[in-house]
N, C-alpha and C. Protein backbone atom coordinates (compact mmCIF):
# COMPACT_ATOMS: atom_id res chain seq x y z
N UNK A 1 0.85 -1.20 0.00
CA UNK A 1 0.00 0.00 0.00
C UNK A 1 0.88 1.24 0.00
N UNK A 2 0.43 2.26 -0.68
CA UNK A 2 1.18 3.50 -0.78
C UNK A 2 0.37 4.63 -0.15
N UNK A 3 1.03 5.45 0.62
CA UNK A 3 0.40 6.64 1.18
C UNK A 3 1.14 7.88 0.71
N UNK A 4 0.38 8.91 0.38
CA UNK A 4 0.95 10.17 -0.11
C UNK A 4 0.53 11.29 0.82
N UNK A 5 1.49 12.13 1.20
CA UNK A 5 1.20 13.25 2.09
C UNK A 5 1.70 14.53 1.44
N UNK A 6 0.76 15.46 1.23
CA UNK A 6 1.11 16.75 0.62
C UNK A 6 1.34 17.80 1.70
N UNK A 7 2.09 18.83 1.33
CA UNK A 7 2.28 19.98 2.20
C UNK A 7 2.58 21.20 1.34
N UNK A 8 2.37 22.38 1.92
CA UNK A 8 2.77 23.60 1.23
C UNK A 8 1.67 24.47 0.69
N UNK A 9 0.43 24.06 0.82
CA UNK A 9 -0.67 24.89 0.33
C UNK A 9 -0.86 26.12 1.19
N UNK A 10 -1.74 27.01 0.73
CA UNK A 10 -2.03 28.21 1.51
C UNK A 10 -2.67 29.29 0.67
N UNK A 11 -2.72 30.47 1.26
CA UNK A 11 -3.30 31.65 0.59
C UNK A 11 -2.17 32.53 0.08
N UNK A 12 -2.26 32.93 -1.17
CA UNK A 12 -1.21 33.74 -1.76
C UNK A 12 -1.83 34.76 -2.71
N UNK A 13 -1.18 35.90 -2.86
CA UNK A 13 -1.70 36.94 -3.76
C UNK A 13 -1.36 36.61 -5.21
N UNK A 14 -2.16 37.09 -6.14
CA UNK A 14 -1.84 36.88 -7.57
C UNK A 14 -0.44 37.38 -7.91
N UNK A 15 0.26 36.60 -8.74
CA UNK A 15 1.61 36.95 -9.13
C UNK A 15 2.70 36.39 -8.24
N UNK A 16 2.31 35.91 -7.07
CA UNK A 16 3.29 35.36 -6.14
C UNK A 16 3.54 33.88 -6.42
N UNK A 17 4.41 33.28 -5.59
CA UNK A 17 4.80 31.88 -5.78
C UNK A 17 4.44 31.04 -4.57
N UNK A 18 4.37 29.75 -4.83
CA UNK A 18 4.09 28.78 -3.77
C UNK A 18 4.69 27.45 -4.20
N UNK A 19 5.17 26.67 -3.23
CA UNK A 19 5.75 25.37 -3.55
C UNK A 19 5.03 24.28 -2.78
N UNK A 20 4.59 23.28 -3.49
CA UNK A 20 3.95 22.11 -2.88
C UNK A 20 4.94 20.95 -2.86
N UNK A 21 4.83 20.15 -1.83
CA UNK A 21 5.67 18.96 -1.72
C UNK A 21 4.80 17.74 -1.42
N UNK A 22 5.28 16.59 -1.85
CA UNK A 22 4.57 15.34 -1.62
C UNK A 22 5.58 14.25 -1.32
N UNK A 23 5.33 13.52 -0.25
CA UNK A 23 6.20 12.41 0.12
C UNK A 23 5.38 11.13 0.15
N UNK A 24 5.92 10.10 -0.48
CA UNK A 24 5.25 8.80 -0.52
C UNK A 24 5.89 7.85 0.48
N UNK A 25 5.07 6.99 1.06
CA UNK A 25 5.57 5.93 1.92
C UNK A 25 5.02 4.61 1.42
N UNK A 26 5.73 3.54 1.75
CA UNK A 26 5.34 2.24 1.25
C UNK A 26 6.28 1.79 0.14
N UNK A 27 5.85 0.76 -0.57
CA UNK A 27 6.69 0.20 -1.62
C UNK A 27 6.58 1.05 -2.88
N UNK A 28 7.66 1.67 -3.28
CA UNK A 28 7.69 2.49 -4.48
C UNK A 28 8.62 1.85 -5.50
N UNK A 29 8.18 1.80 -6.75
CA UNK A 29 8.98 1.22 -7.82
C UNK A 29 9.53 2.31 -8.74
N UNK A 30 10.61 1.97 -9.41
CA UNK A 30 11.28 2.97 -10.26
C UNK A 30 10.41 3.40 -11.44
N UNK A 31 9.42 2.59 -11.80
CA UNK A 31 8.58 2.94 -12.94
C UNK A 31 7.40 3.83 -12.53
N UNK A 32 7.21 4.03 -11.24
CA UNK A 32 6.06 4.82 -10.79
C UNK A 32 6.15 6.26 -11.28
N UNK A 33 5.02 6.77 -11.71
CA UNK A 33 4.92 8.16 -12.15
C UNK A 33 4.22 8.96 -11.06
N UNK A 34 4.78 10.07 -10.69
CA UNK A 34 4.15 10.93 -9.69
C UNK A 34 3.66 12.22 -10.35
N UNK A 35 2.66 12.82 -9.75
CA UNK A 35 2.13 14.03 -10.37
C UNK A 35 1.22 14.80 -9.45
N UNK A 36 0.70 15.88 -10.00
CA UNK A 36 -0.22 16.76 -9.28
C UNK A 36 -1.48 16.99 -10.13
N UNK A 37 -2.59 16.94 -9.45
CA UNK A 37 -3.87 17.25 -10.05
C UNK A 37 -4.54 18.30 -9.17
N UNK A 38 -5.50 19.01 -9.72
CA UNK A 38 -6.24 19.97 -8.90
C UNK A 38 -7.73 19.88 -9.21
N UNK A 39 -8.49 20.31 -8.22
CA UNK A 39 -9.95 20.23 -8.36
C UNK A 39 -10.59 21.45 -7.74
N UNK A 40 -11.52 22.01 -8.46
CA UNK A 40 -12.34 23.11 -7.96
C UNK A 40 -13.73 22.55 -7.71
N UNK A 41 -14.38 23.03 -6.68
CA UNK A 41 -15.72 22.53 -6.33
C UNK A 41 -16.65 22.59 -7.54
N UNK A 42 -17.30 21.47 -7.80
CA UNK A 42 -18.24 21.42 -8.90
C UNK A 42 -17.63 21.05 -10.24
N UNK A 43 -16.30 20.88 -10.25
CA UNK A 43 -15.63 20.53 -11.50
C UNK A 43 -14.83 19.25 -11.33
N UNK A 44 -14.48 18.65 -12.45
CA UNK A 44 -13.70 17.42 -12.40
C UNK A 44 -12.24 17.72 -12.02
N UNK A 45 -11.61 16.72 -11.43
CA UNK A 45 -10.20 16.84 -11.12
C UNK A 45 -9.41 16.88 -12.43
N UNK A 46 -8.45 17.79 -12.51
CA UNK A 46 -7.70 17.95 -13.76
C UNK A 46 -6.20 17.81 -13.53
N UNK A 47 -5.52 17.35 -14.57
CA UNK A 47 -4.08 17.21 -14.52
C UNK A 47 -3.40 18.57 -14.44
N UNK A 48 -2.39 18.64 -13.59
CA UNK A 48 -1.53 19.83 -13.55
C UNK A 48 -0.18 19.49 -14.16
N UNK A 49 0.47 18.46 -13.61
CA UNK A 49 1.77 18.06 -14.12
C UNK A 49 2.11 16.66 -13.61
N UNK A 50 2.92 15.94 -14.38
CA UNK A 50 3.43 14.64 -13.94
C UNK A 50 4.93 14.56 -14.23
N UNK A 51 5.58 13.67 -13.50
CA UNK A 51 7.01 13.44 -13.70
C UNK A 51 7.32 11.97 -13.47
N UNK A 52 8.08 11.39 -14.37
CA UNK A 52 8.49 10.00 -14.21
C UNK A 52 9.74 9.95 -13.34
N UNK A 53 10.13 8.76 -12.95
CA UNK A 53 11.33 8.59 -12.13
C UNK A 53 12.58 9.03 -12.89
N UNK A 54 12.53 8.96 -14.21
CA UNK A 54 13.67 9.38 -15.03
C UNK A 54 13.64 10.86 -15.35
N UNK A 55 12.59 11.57 -14.88
CA UNK A 55 12.55 13.02 -15.04
C UNK A 55 11.76 13.53 -16.22
N UNK A 56 11.07 12.65 -16.92
CA UNK A 56 10.23 13.09 -18.03
C UNK A 56 9.00 13.78 -17.47
N UNK A 57 8.72 15.00 -17.93
CA UNK A 57 7.63 15.79 -17.38
C UNK A 57 6.52 16.01 -18.41
N UNK A 58 5.35 16.30 -17.87
CA UNK A 58 4.19 16.61 -18.70
C UNK A 58 3.38 17.66 -17.96
N UNK A 59 2.94 18.70 -18.67
CA UNK A 59 2.23 19.81 -18.03
C UNK A 59 0.91 20.10 -18.74
N UNK A 60 -0.05 20.56 -17.97
CA UNK A 60 -1.26 21.12 -18.57
C UNK A 60 -0.88 22.43 -19.26
N UNK A 61 -1.53 22.73 -20.37
CA UNK A 61 -1.20 23.96 -21.11
C UNK A 61 -1.37 25.21 -20.24
N UNK A 62 -2.31 25.17 -19.33
CA UNK A 62 -2.60 26.35 -18.51
C UNK A 62 -1.49 26.69 -17.52
N UNK A 63 -0.59 25.75 -17.26
CA UNK A 63 0.46 26.01 -16.27
C UNK A 63 1.86 25.99 -16.86
N UNK A 64 1.97 25.64 -18.14
CA UNK A 64 3.29 25.62 -18.78
C UNK A 64 3.96 26.98 -18.64
N UNK A 65 5.25 26.97 -18.40
CA UNK A 65 6.07 28.19 -18.27
C UNK A 65 5.84 28.91 -16.94
N UNK A 66 4.92 28.40 -16.11
CA UNK A 66 4.72 29.00 -14.79
C UNK A 66 5.01 28.00 -13.66
N UNK A 67 4.68 26.74 -13.89
CA UNK A 67 4.86 25.70 -12.87
C UNK A 67 6.01 24.79 -13.28
N UNK A 68 6.72 24.28 -12.29
CA UNK A 68 7.79 23.32 -12.53
C UNK A 68 7.65 22.16 -11.56
N UNK A 69 7.54 20.96 -12.12
CA UNK A 69 7.46 19.76 -11.29
C UNK A 69 8.83 19.11 -11.26
N UNK A 70 9.19 18.57 -10.11
CA UNK A 70 10.46 17.88 -10.00
C UNK A 70 10.28 16.60 -9.20
N UNK A 71 11.14 15.66 -9.50
CA UNK A 71 11.15 14.39 -8.76
C UNK A 71 12.40 14.43 -7.89
N UNK A 72 12.21 14.77 -6.64
CA UNK A 72 13.34 14.97 -5.75
C UNK A 72 14.08 13.67 -5.48
N UNK A 73 13.35 12.60 -5.34
CA UNK A 73 13.91 11.25 -5.24
C UNK A 73 12.78 10.29 -5.60
N UNK A 74 13.01 9.01 -5.44
CA UNK A 74 12.01 8.03 -5.86
C UNK A 74 10.68 8.20 -5.13
N UNK A 75 10.72 8.77 -3.94
CA UNK A 75 9.52 8.83 -3.11
C UNK A 75 8.98 10.24 -2.89
N UNK A 76 9.48 11.22 -3.59
CA UNK A 76 8.97 12.57 -3.36
C UNK A 76 8.96 13.39 -4.64
N UNK A 77 8.01 14.31 -4.68
CA UNK A 77 7.91 15.23 -5.80
C UNK A 77 7.51 16.59 -5.26
N UNK A 78 7.88 17.63 -5.99
CA UNK A 78 7.47 18.96 -5.59
C UNK A 78 6.97 19.73 -6.81
N UNK A 79 6.17 20.74 -6.54
CA UNK A 79 5.60 21.55 -7.61
C UNK A 79 5.85 23.01 -7.26
N UNK A 80 6.73 23.64 -8.01
CA UNK A 80 7.00 25.06 -7.84
C UNK A 80 6.04 25.84 -8.72
N UNK A 81 5.23 26.67 -8.08
CA UNK A 81 4.19 27.42 -8.81
C UNK A 81 4.53 28.90 -8.76
N UNK A 82 4.82 29.47 -9.91
CA UNK A 82 5.15 30.89 -10.02
C UNK A 82 4.05 31.64 -10.77
N UNK A 83 4.06 32.94 -10.62
CA UNK A 83 3.09 33.79 -11.33
C UNK A 83 1.66 33.26 -11.16
N UNK A 84 1.30 32.98 -9.94
CA UNK A 84 0.00 32.37 -9.68
C UNK A 84 -1.15 33.29 -10.06
N UNK A 85 -2.21 32.69 -10.54
CA UNK A 85 -3.41 33.40 -10.97
C UNK A 85 -4.60 32.93 -10.13
N UNK A 86 -5.64 33.76 -10.03
CA UNK A 86 -6.82 33.32 -9.28
C UNK A 86 -7.39 31.99 -9.79
N UNK A 87 -7.28 31.75 -11.08
CA UNK A 87 -7.81 30.50 -11.63
C UNK A 87 -6.98 29.27 -11.26
N UNK A 88 -5.86 29.47 -10.60
CA UNK A 88 -5.08 28.35 -10.08
C UNK A 88 -5.61 27.86 -8.74
N UNK A 89 -6.57 28.58 -8.20
CA UNK A 89 -7.18 28.19 -6.92
C UNK A 89 -7.83 26.82 -7.02
N UNK A 90 -7.62 26.01 -5.98
CA UNK A 90 -8.24 24.70 -5.93
C UNK A 90 -7.56 23.82 -4.90
N UNK A 91 -8.05 22.60 -4.80
CA UNK A 91 -7.39 21.61 -3.95
C UNK A 91 -6.43 20.82 -4.83
N UNK A 92 -5.19 20.81 -4.43
CA UNK A 92 -4.15 20.12 -5.19
C UNK A 92 -3.87 18.76 -4.57
N UNK A 93 -3.93 17.73 -5.42
CA UNK A 93 -3.74 16.36 -4.98
C UNK A 93 -2.47 15.77 -5.57
N UNK A 94 -1.70 15.14 -4.73
CA UNK A 94 -0.55 14.38 -5.20
C UNK A 94 -1.05 13.02 -5.70
N UNK A 95 -0.43 12.53 -6.73
CA UNK A 95 -0.87 11.30 -7.38
C UNK A 95 0.32 10.42 -7.70
N UNK A 96 0.14 9.12 -7.52
CA UNK A 96 1.15 8.15 -7.93
C UNK A 96 0.46 7.10 -8.79
N UNK A 97 1.02 6.87 -9.96
CA UNK A 97 0.45 5.90 -10.89
C UNK A 97 1.47 4.86 -11.25
N UNK A 98 1.04 3.58 -11.20
CA UNK A 98 1.92 2.45 -11.49
C UNK A 98 1.55 1.94 -12.88
N UNK A 99 2.31 2.27 -13.90
CA UNK A 99 1.91 2.00 -15.29
C UNK A 99 1.54 0.56 -15.60
N UNK A 100 2.29 -0.41 -15.12
CA UNK A 100 2.07 -1.78 -15.57
C UNK A 100 0.92 -2.49 -14.83
N UNK A 101 0.52 -1.95 -13.70
CA UNK A 101 -0.57 -2.59 -12.98
C UNK A 101 -1.84 -1.73 -12.98
N UNK A 102 -1.70 -0.48 -13.31
CA UNK A 102 -2.86 0.41 -13.30
C UNK A 102 -3.21 0.96 -11.93
N UNK A 103 -2.42 0.62 -10.92
CA UNK A 103 -2.71 1.13 -9.58
C UNK A 103 -2.54 2.64 -9.55
N UNK A 104 -3.44 3.31 -8.84
CA UNK A 104 -3.38 4.75 -8.68
C UNK A 104 -3.61 5.10 -7.22
N UNK A 105 -2.79 5.97 -6.69
CA UNK A 105 -2.91 6.39 -5.31
C UNK A 105 -3.02 7.91 -5.25
N UNK A 106 -3.77 8.39 -4.25
CA UNK A 106 -3.98 9.84 -4.09
C UNK A 106 -3.64 10.28 -2.68
N UNK A 107 -3.14 11.51 -2.58
CA UNK A 107 -2.99 12.13 -1.28
C UNK A 107 -4.31 12.72 -0.83
N UNK A 108 -4.30 13.33 0.35
CA UNK A 108 -5.53 13.87 0.92
C UNK A 108 -5.87 15.25 0.36
N UNK A 109 -4.93 15.87 -0.31
CA UNK A 109 -5.16 17.17 -0.93
C UNK A 109 -4.72 18.33 -0.05
N UNK A 110 -4.28 19.41 -0.69
CA UNK A 110 -3.91 20.62 0.02
C UNK A 110 -4.50 21.82 -0.72
N UNK A 111 -5.10 22.73 0.03
CA UNK A 111 -5.80 23.86 -0.56
C UNK A 111 -4.83 24.95 -0.98
N UNK A 112 -5.00 25.42 -2.21
CA UNK A 112 -4.25 26.58 -2.71
C UNK A 112 -5.28 27.64 -3.09
N UNK A 113 -5.15 28.81 -2.50
CA UNK A 113 -6.06 29.91 -2.80
C UNK A 113 -5.25 31.10 -3.27
N UNK A 114 -5.56 31.59 -4.46
CA UNK A 114 -4.87 32.74 -5.03
C UNK A 114 -5.87 33.90 -5.06
N UNK A 115 -5.64 34.86 -4.19
CA UNK A 115 -6.60 35.95 -4.06
C UNK A 115 -5.91 37.17 -3.46
N UNK A 116 -6.37 38.34 -3.86
CA UNK A 116 -5.86 39.57 -3.28
C UNK A 116 -6.72 40.01 -2.10
């Protein structure tokens, strides 16, 4: 079983930065892909960014050139969010996906609010 714990959310003014972190516990494999998703009340959860263990990244178009995802080690990932906009507000969830088995794990989520 895998558990994911996020940290770093909060309230920030538009244009400012925030960094989210996620640490996984349990059995982690080198093929596992980690990432971040966000959800606004009443809307579906959407992809923000993912990173493989080898460092291959994928970003939503809305965050490209503003957010940077990194794989700090096999069990942790962080999301550096710059030039934040009000539309970036939401609950951000850490995600781990195991490609060959289809297993997916989620963290409990951390609230990010961008407002003046």
